[in-house]
N, C-alpha and C. Protein backbone atom coordinates (compact mmCIF):
# COMPACT_ATOMS: atom_id res chain seq x y z
N MET A 1 -61.37 9.97 -48.33
CA MET A 1 -60.60 11.16 -48.35
C MET A 1 -60.55 11.82 -46.98
N ALA A 2 -61.54 11.60 -46.22
CA ALA A 2 -61.58 12.18 -44.88
C ALA A 2 -60.45 11.63 -44.04
N THR A 3 -60.17 10.34 -44.19
CA THR A 3 -59.09 9.74 -43.43
C THR A 3 -57.75 10.29 -43.89
N ASN A 4 -57.63 10.54 -45.20
CA ASN A 4 -56.41 11.11 -45.75
C ASN A 4 -56.13 12.48 -45.16
N GLY A 5 -57.12 13.28 -45.02
CA GLY A 5 -57.00 14.64 -44.45
C GLY A 5 -56.65 14.57 -42.97
N LYS A 6 -57.27 13.59 -42.26
CA LYS A 6 -56.96 13.44 -40.84
C LYS A 6 -55.52 12.98 -40.65
N THR A 7 -55.06 12.13 -41.55
CA THR A 7 -53.68 11.64 -41.46
C THR A 7 -52.70 12.78 -41.68
N ARG A 8 -53.02 13.65 -42.67
CA ARG A 8 -52.14 14.79 -42.92
C ARG A 8 -52.14 15.75 -41.73
N ASN A 9 -53.34 15.95 -41.18
CA ASN A 9 -53.41 16.83 -40.00
C ASN A 9 -52.62 16.26 -38.83
N LEU A 10 -52.69 14.96 -38.67
CA LEU A 10 -51.95 14.26 -37.60
C LEU A 10 -50.45 14.39 -37.85
N GLU A 11 -50.06 14.19 -39.09
CA GLU A 11 -48.64 14.30 -39.43
C GLU A 11 -48.16 15.72 -39.18
N THR A 12 -48.92 16.69 -39.59
CA THR A 12 -48.55 18.09 -39.38
C THR A 12 -48.46 18.40 -37.89
N PHE A 13 -49.42 17.90 -37.15
CA PHE A 13 -49.41 18.12 -35.70
C PHE A 13 -48.19 17.49 -35.03
N VAL A 14 -47.88 16.27 -35.40
CA VAL A 14 -46.73 15.55 -34.83
C VAL A 14 -45.42 16.27 -35.20
N LYS A 15 -45.33 16.71 -36.49
CA LYS A 15 -44.12 17.44 -36.93
C LYS A 15 -43.95 18.72 -36.14
N GLN A 16 -45.05 19.44 -35.92
CA GLN A 16 -44.98 20.68 -35.18
C GLN A 16 -44.54 20.44 -33.73
N GLN A 17 -45.07 19.39 -33.15
CA GLN A 17 -44.71 19.04 -31.78
C GLN A 17 -43.24 18.65 -31.68
N LEU A 18 -42.76 17.86 -32.67
CA LEU A 18 -41.35 17.47 -32.67
C LEU A 18 -40.44 18.65 -32.87
N GLU A 19 -40.80 19.56 -33.77
CA GLU A 19 -39.99 20.74 -34.02
C GLU A 19 -39.95 21.62 -32.77
N GLY A 20 -41.08 21.76 -32.10
CA GLY A 20 -41.14 22.54 -30.85
C GLY A 20 -40.27 21.91 -29.76
N ALA A 21 -40.37 20.56 -29.66
CA ALA A 21 -39.57 19.86 -28.66
C ALA A 21 -38.11 20.00 -28.98
N GLN A 22 -37.74 19.93 -30.25
CA GLN A 22 -36.34 20.04 -30.67
C GLN A 22 -35.82 21.43 -30.33
N LYS A 23 -36.64 22.48 -30.55
CA LYS A 23 -36.23 23.85 -30.23
C LYS A 23 -36.04 24.00 -28.72
N ARG A 24 -36.96 23.45 -27.95
CA ARG A 24 -36.83 23.52 -26.49
C ARG A 24 -35.57 22.77 -26.03
N PHE A 25 -35.32 21.62 -26.66
CA PHE A 25 -34.14 20.84 -26.30
C PHE A 25 -32.86 21.61 -26.62
N GLU A 26 -32.82 22.26 -27.79
CA GLU A 26 -31.66 23.08 -28.15
C GLU A 26 -31.46 24.21 -27.14
N GLY A 27 -32.56 24.83 -26.73
CA GLY A 27 -32.48 25.90 -25.73
C GLY A 27 -31.91 25.37 -24.40
N LEU A 28 -32.42 24.23 -23.98
CA LEU A 28 -31.93 23.63 -22.75
C LEU A 28 -30.45 23.26 -22.87
N GLU A 29 -30.10 22.73 -24.02
CA GLU A 29 -28.68 22.37 -24.24
C GLU A 29 -27.79 23.62 -24.16
N HIS A 30 -28.27 24.71 -24.77
CA HIS A 30 -27.50 25.97 -24.75
C HIS A 30 -27.37 26.48 -23.32
N GLU A 31 -28.42 26.42 -22.53
CA GLU A 31 -28.39 26.86 -21.14
C GLU A 31 -27.43 25.96 -20.32
N ALA A 32 -27.48 24.68 -20.57
CA ALA A 32 -26.59 23.75 -19.86
C ALA A 32 -25.12 24.07 -20.16
N GLU A 33 -24.82 24.40 -21.42
CA GLU A 33 -23.45 24.77 -21.79
C GLU A 33 -23.01 26.04 -21.05
N LYS A 34 -23.94 27.02 -20.94
CA LYS A 34 -23.64 28.24 -20.21
C LYS A 34 -23.32 27.95 -18.74
N VAL A 35 -24.17 27.14 -18.13
CA VAL A 35 -23.99 26.80 -16.72
C VAL A 35 -22.66 26.06 -16.51
N LEU A 36 -22.34 25.15 -17.42
CA LEU A 36 -21.11 24.39 -17.32
C LEU A 36 -19.89 25.31 -17.45
N ARG A 37 -19.91 26.24 -18.41
CA ARG A 37 -18.82 27.20 -18.55
C ARG A 37 -18.68 28.06 -17.29
N ASN A 38 -19.83 28.48 -16.75
CA ASN A 38 -19.83 29.30 -15.55
C ASN A 38 -19.22 28.53 -14.39
N LEU A 39 -19.62 27.27 -14.22
CA LEU A 39 -19.09 26.45 -13.13
C LEU A 39 -17.58 26.23 -13.28
N LYS A 40 -17.13 26.00 -14.50
CA LYS A 40 -15.70 25.83 -14.74
C LYS A 40 -14.95 27.09 -14.36
N ALA A 41 -15.48 28.22 -14.75
CA ALA A 41 -14.82 29.51 -14.45
C ALA A 41 -14.77 29.72 -12.94
N ARG A 42 -15.87 29.44 -12.26
CA ARG A 42 -15.90 29.61 -10.80
C ARG A 42 -15.01 28.62 -10.09
N GLY A 43 -14.80 27.44 -10.67
CA GLY A 43 -13.95 26.41 -10.05
C GLY A 43 -12.48 26.70 -10.19
N ARG A 44 -12.08 27.50 -11.17
CA ARG A 44 -10.66 27.81 -11.39
C ARG A 44 -10.07 28.58 -10.21
N GLY A 45 -10.85 29.50 -9.66
CA GLY A 45 -10.36 30.32 -8.53
C GLY A 45 -9.99 29.48 -7.34
N PRO A 46 -10.91 28.65 -6.82
CA PRO A 46 -10.57 27.81 -5.67
C PRO A 46 -9.44 26.81 -5.99
N ALA A 47 -9.38 26.31 -7.21
CA ALA A 47 -8.32 25.38 -7.56
C ALA A 47 -6.96 26.09 -7.48
N ARG A 48 -6.91 27.33 -7.92
CA ARG A 48 -5.65 28.10 -7.82
C ARG A 48 -5.30 28.33 -6.36
N GLU A 49 -6.31 28.64 -5.54
CA GLU A 49 -6.06 28.87 -4.13
C GLU A 49 -5.50 27.62 -3.45
N VAL A 50 -6.07 26.46 -3.77
CA VAL A 50 -5.60 25.22 -3.21
C VAL A 50 -4.16 24.95 -3.64
N GLU A 51 -3.85 25.15 -4.91
CA GLU A 51 -2.48 24.98 -5.38
C GLU A 51 -1.52 25.91 -4.66
N LYS A 52 -1.96 27.16 -4.43
CA LYS A 52 -1.13 28.12 -3.73
C LYS A 52 -0.88 27.67 -2.30
N LEU A 53 -1.93 27.20 -1.62
CA LEU A 53 -1.78 26.74 -0.24
C LEU A 53 -0.88 25.52 -0.17
N LEU A 54 -1.03 24.60 -1.11
CA LEU A 54 -0.17 23.42 -1.11
C LEU A 54 1.30 23.80 -1.34
N GLY A 55 1.51 24.80 -2.15
CA GLY A 55 2.88 25.28 -2.39
C GLY A 55 3.47 25.92 -1.16
N GLN A 56 2.63 26.47 -0.28
CA GLN A 56 3.13 27.13 0.90
C GLN A 56 3.49 26.17 2.04
N ILE A 57 3.05 24.92 1.93
CA ILE A 57 3.34 23.96 2.99
C ILE A 57 4.81 23.58 2.92
N ASN A 58 5.50 23.79 4.02
CA ASN A 58 6.91 23.48 4.11
C ASN A 58 7.07 22.25 5.00
N PRO A 59 7.63 21.15 4.48
CA PRO A 59 7.75 19.94 5.32
C PRO A 59 8.61 20.15 6.56
N ASP A 60 9.64 20.98 6.47
CA ASP A 60 10.50 21.22 7.63
C ASP A 60 9.71 21.91 8.74
N THR A 61 8.91 22.88 8.38
CA THR A 61 8.07 23.58 9.34
C THR A 61 7.07 22.63 9.94
N LEU A 62 6.50 21.80 9.10
CA LEU A 62 5.51 20.83 9.56
C LEU A 62 6.12 19.87 10.58
N LEU A 63 7.34 19.43 10.33
CA LEU A 63 8.00 18.48 11.24
C LEU A 63 8.37 19.15 12.57
N GLU A 64 8.51 20.45 12.56
CA GLU A 64 8.83 21.16 13.81
C GLU A 64 7.61 21.43 14.66
N ASN A 65 6.45 21.21 14.11
CA ASN A 65 5.20 21.42 14.83
C ASN A 65 5.14 20.46 16.03
N PRO A 66 4.86 20.97 17.23
CA PRO A 66 4.79 20.09 18.40
C PRO A 66 3.75 18.99 18.28
N ALA A 67 2.65 19.25 17.67
CA ALA A 67 1.63 18.21 17.53
C ALA A 67 2.14 17.09 16.63
N VAL A 68 2.84 17.46 15.56
CA VAL A 68 3.39 16.44 14.65
C VAL A 68 4.46 15.64 15.36
N LYS A 69 5.31 16.31 16.15
CA LYS A 69 6.34 15.61 16.91
C LYS A 69 5.71 14.61 17.89
N GLU A 70 4.65 15.03 18.54
CA GLU A 70 3.96 14.16 19.49
C GLU A 70 3.39 12.93 18.78
N LEU A 71 2.78 13.17 17.61
CA LEU A 71 2.25 12.03 16.85
C LEU A 71 3.37 11.08 16.43
N GLY A 72 4.51 11.62 16.03
CA GLY A 72 5.64 10.78 15.66
C GLY A 72 6.14 9.95 16.83
N ARG A 73 6.22 10.58 18.01
CA ARG A 73 6.65 9.87 19.20
C ARG A 73 5.68 8.73 19.55
N LYS A 74 4.39 9.04 19.48
CA LYS A 74 3.38 8.01 19.76
C LYS A 74 3.45 6.86 18.76
N ALA A 75 3.65 7.20 17.52
CA ALA A 75 3.76 6.16 16.48
C ALA A 75 4.96 5.26 16.76
N THR A 76 6.07 5.85 17.18
CA THR A 76 7.27 5.08 17.49
C THR A 76 6.99 4.16 18.69
N GLN A 77 6.30 4.66 19.69
CA GLN A 77 5.96 3.84 20.85
C GLN A 77 5.07 2.66 20.46
N VAL A 78 4.08 2.96 19.64
CA VAL A 78 3.16 1.89 19.22
C VAL A 78 3.92 0.83 18.42
N ARG A 79 4.82 1.29 17.54
CA ARG A 79 5.61 0.35 16.74
C ARG A 79 6.45 -0.56 17.62
N SER A 80 7.12 0.02 18.63
CA SER A 80 7.95 -0.81 19.51
C SER A 80 7.11 -1.75 20.34
N GLU A 81 5.94 -1.28 20.77
CA GLU A 81 5.03 -2.14 21.53
C GLU A 81 4.56 -3.33 20.67
N LEU A 82 4.21 -3.04 19.44
CA LEU A 82 3.78 -4.11 18.52
C LEU A 82 4.91 -5.09 18.26
N ARG A 83 6.13 -4.56 18.09
CA ARG A 83 7.29 -5.42 17.85
C ARG A 83 7.49 -6.37 19.01
N LYS A 84 7.37 -5.86 20.25
CA LYS A 84 7.53 -6.71 21.45
C LYS A 84 6.45 -7.79 21.48
N ARG A 85 5.20 -7.39 21.18
CA ARG A 85 4.13 -8.37 21.20
C ARG A 85 4.32 -9.45 20.14
N LEU A 86 4.72 -9.03 18.95
CA LEU A 86 4.96 -10.01 17.87
C LEU A 86 6.11 -10.95 18.22
N ASP A 87 7.17 -10.39 18.82
CA ASP A 87 8.28 -11.25 19.24
C ASP A 87 7.84 -12.27 20.27
N GLY A 88 6.97 -11.82 21.19
CA GLY A 88 6.45 -12.75 22.19
C GLY A 88 5.59 -13.84 21.58
N ILE A 89 4.75 -13.44 20.64
CA ILE A 89 3.91 -14.43 19.97
C ILE A 89 4.77 -15.41 19.18
N GLN A 90 5.78 -14.92 18.51
CA GLN A 90 6.67 -15.79 17.72
C GLN A 90 7.39 -16.76 18.65
N THR A 91 7.87 -16.27 19.79
CA THR A 91 8.55 -17.14 20.75
C THR A 91 7.65 -18.23 21.26
N ARG A 92 6.41 -17.85 21.60
CA ARG A 92 5.45 -18.87 22.09
C ARG A 92 5.13 -19.89 20.99
N ALA A 93 5.01 -19.43 19.76
CA ALA A 93 4.73 -20.34 18.65
C ALA A 93 5.86 -21.33 18.45
N VAL A 94 7.09 -20.81 18.52
CA VAL A 94 8.26 -21.69 18.34
C VAL A 94 8.35 -22.68 19.49
N GLU A 95 8.07 -22.23 20.69
CA GLU A 95 8.07 -23.13 21.84
C GLU A 95 7.01 -24.19 21.72
N ALA A 96 5.82 -23.80 21.24
CA ALA A 96 4.71 -24.75 21.12
C ALA A 96 5.03 -25.81 20.07
N VAL A 97 5.71 -25.44 19.00
CA VAL A 97 6.05 -26.38 17.96
C VAL A 97 7.21 -27.27 18.40
N GLY A 98 8.06 -26.76 19.29
CA GLY A 98 9.19 -27.53 19.78
C GLY A 98 10.43 -27.35 18.93
N VAL A 99 10.52 -26.29 18.18
CA VAL A 99 11.67 -26.00 17.34
C VAL A 99 12.51 -24.96 18.03
N ALA A 100 13.80 -25.02 17.82
CA ALA A 100 14.71 -24.05 18.44
C ALA A 100 14.51 -22.67 17.81
N SER A 101 14.62 -21.67 18.64
CA SER A 101 14.49 -20.31 18.16
C SER A 101 15.81 -19.88 17.51
N GLN A 102 15.78 -18.75 16.80
CA GLN A 102 17.01 -18.24 16.17
C GLN A 102 18.07 -17.96 17.21
N ALA A 103 17.67 -17.39 18.33
CA ALA A 103 18.64 -17.11 19.38
C ALA A 103 19.27 -18.41 19.91
N GLN A 104 18.45 -19.44 20.07
CA GLN A 104 18.96 -20.72 20.55
C GLN A 104 19.91 -21.36 19.52
N VAL A 105 19.56 -21.25 18.24
CA VAL A 105 20.43 -21.81 17.19
C VAL A 105 21.75 -21.05 17.17
N LYS A 106 21.73 -19.74 17.30
CA LYS A 106 22.98 -18.96 17.34
C LYS A 106 23.83 -19.35 18.52
N GLU A 107 23.20 -19.51 19.67
CA GLU A 107 23.92 -19.92 20.87
C GLU A 107 24.55 -21.31 20.68
N LEU A 108 23.78 -22.23 20.09
CA LEU A 108 24.33 -23.58 19.82
C LEU A 108 25.50 -23.51 18.86
N ASN A 109 25.41 -22.68 17.83
CA ASN A 109 26.52 -22.52 16.89
C ASN A 109 27.77 -21.96 17.58
N ARG A 110 27.58 -21.00 18.46
CA ARG A 110 28.72 -20.47 19.23
C ARG A 110 29.37 -21.55 20.07
N GLU A 111 28.55 -22.34 20.75
CA GLU A 111 29.06 -23.42 21.56
C GLU A 111 29.80 -24.46 20.72
N LEU A 112 29.23 -24.79 19.55
CA LEU A 112 29.88 -25.76 18.67
C LEU A 112 31.24 -25.24 18.18
N SER A 113 31.31 -23.94 17.89
CA SER A 113 32.56 -23.35 17.46
C SER A 113 33.60 -23.44 18.55
N LYS A 114 33.20 -23.11 19.79
CA LYS A 114 34.12 -23.19 20.93
C LYS A 114 34.63 -24.62 21.11
N LEU A 115 33.69 -25.57 21.07
CA LEU A 115 34.08 -26.99 21.26
C LEU A 115 34.98 -27.46 20.12
N SER A 116 34.68 -27.01 18.91
CA SER A 116 35.50 -27.41 17.78
C SER A 116 36.93 -26.88 17.93
N LYS A 117 37.08 -25.65 18.39
CA LYS A 117 38.41 -25.07 18.60
C LYS A 117 39.15 -25.84 19.70
N LYS A 118 38.44 -26.19 20.76
CA LYS A 118 39.05 -26.95 21.85
C LYS A 118 39.51 -28.31 21.35
N LEU A 119 38.67 -28.95 20.54
CA LEU A 119 39.04 -30.27 19.98
C LEU A 119 40.25 -30.16 19.07
N ASP A 120 40.30 -29.08 18.27
CA ASP A 120 41.46 -28.88 17.40
C ASP A 120 42.72 -28.72 18.21
N GLN A 121 42.62 -28.11 19.36
CA GLN A 121 43.80 -27.93 20.21
C GLN A 121 44.20 -29.24 20.88
N ILE A 122 43.25 -30.07 21.22
CA ILE A 122 43.51 -31.30 21.97
C ILE A 122 43.92 -32.44 21.05
N VAL A 123 43.26 -32.63 19.95
CA VAL A 123 43.47 -33.78 19.06
C VAL A 123 44.75 -33.57 18.25
N PRO A 124 45.64 -34.59 18.22
CA PRO A 124 46.88 -34.49 17.43
C PRO A 124 46.57 -34.50 15.91
N PRO A 125 47.44 -33.92 15.07
CA PRO A 125 47.22 -33.83 13.62
C PRO A 125 47.03 -35.19 12.94
N SER A 126 47.68 -36.23 13.40
CA SER A 126 47.53 -37.54 12.76
C SER A 126 46.12 -38.09 12.90
N VAL A 127 45.49 -37.86 14.02
CA VAL A 127 44.10 -38.32 14.26
C VAL A 127 43.16 -37.52 13.37
N LYS A 128 43.46 -36.23 13.16
CA LYS A 128 42.60 -35.39 12.33
C LYS A 128 42.60 -35.90 10.89
N LYS A 129 43.78 -36.29 10.37
CA LYS A 129 43.87 -36.81 8.99
C LYS A 129 43.05 -38.06 8.87
N ALA A 130 43.18 -38.98 9.83
CA ALA A 130 42.43 -40.23 9.78
C ALA A 130 40.93 -39.96 9.87
N ALA A 131 40.54 -38.99 10.69
CA ALA A 131 39.12 -38.67 10.84
C ALA A 131 38.58 -38.04 9.56
N SER A 132 39.39 -37.22 8.88
CA SER A 132 38.90 -36.59 7.64
C SER A 132 38.79 -37.61 6.53
N ARG A 133 39.70 -38.62 6.49
CA ARG A 133 39.58 -39.68 5.47
C ARG A 133 38.32 -40.51 5.72
N ALA A 134 38.06 -40.82 6.95
CA ALA A 134 36.87 -41.62 7.29
C ALA A 134 35.61 -40.82 6.93
N ALA A 135 35.63 -39.56 7.16
CA ALA A 135 34.47 -38.73 6.85
C ALA A 135 34.26 -38.63 5.35
N SER A 136 35.31 -38.55 4.58
CA SER A 136 35.17 -38.49 3.14
C SER A 136 34.65 -39.81 2.58
N ARG A 137 35.06 -40.94 3.18
CA ARG A 137 34.54 -42.26 2.73
C ARG A 137 33.04 -42.36 3.02
N VAL A 138 32.64 -41.88 4.17
CA VAL A 138 31.23 -41.97 4.55
C VAL A 138 30.39 -41.09 3.66
N SER A 139 30.87 -39.88 3.32
CA SER A 139 30.09 -38.98 2.47
C SER A 139 30.08 -39.46 1.02
N ALA A 140 31.09 -40.21 0.57
CA ALA A 140 31.13 -40.72 -0.80
C ALA A 140 30.17 -41.87 -1.00
N SER A 141 29.83 -42.62 0.09
CA SER A 141 28.93 -43.76 -0.10
C SER A 141 27.52 -43.39 -0.25
């Protein structure tokens, strides 16, 4: 029976400790909710101020700012510098591979067009017909 009484005392003690801990936990939870509500309320003011300031920013005024204009000019310079460097790298790569560049291909096409026009002026129509028939036979085979 002594062990039965000790067990009951232990159970009672543990229950009391759990109830006390639960009450403390509820109190802490209540305090945490208060702090959270307070922080939310305090955060609304600065958020409104930020929204107000963002609404006041005028892009036209910003673009008229000398510092912004200077940054834009520098960005344009950097872009053109990079474009020149990339074009140079591309030209060197094309030369290293041994392939004609776009400019060279365009120039060759212009020359071919000029030569073709000159040939059309020089060659009589009867030779052109014979040449077109021969070309159609070659492409058909």
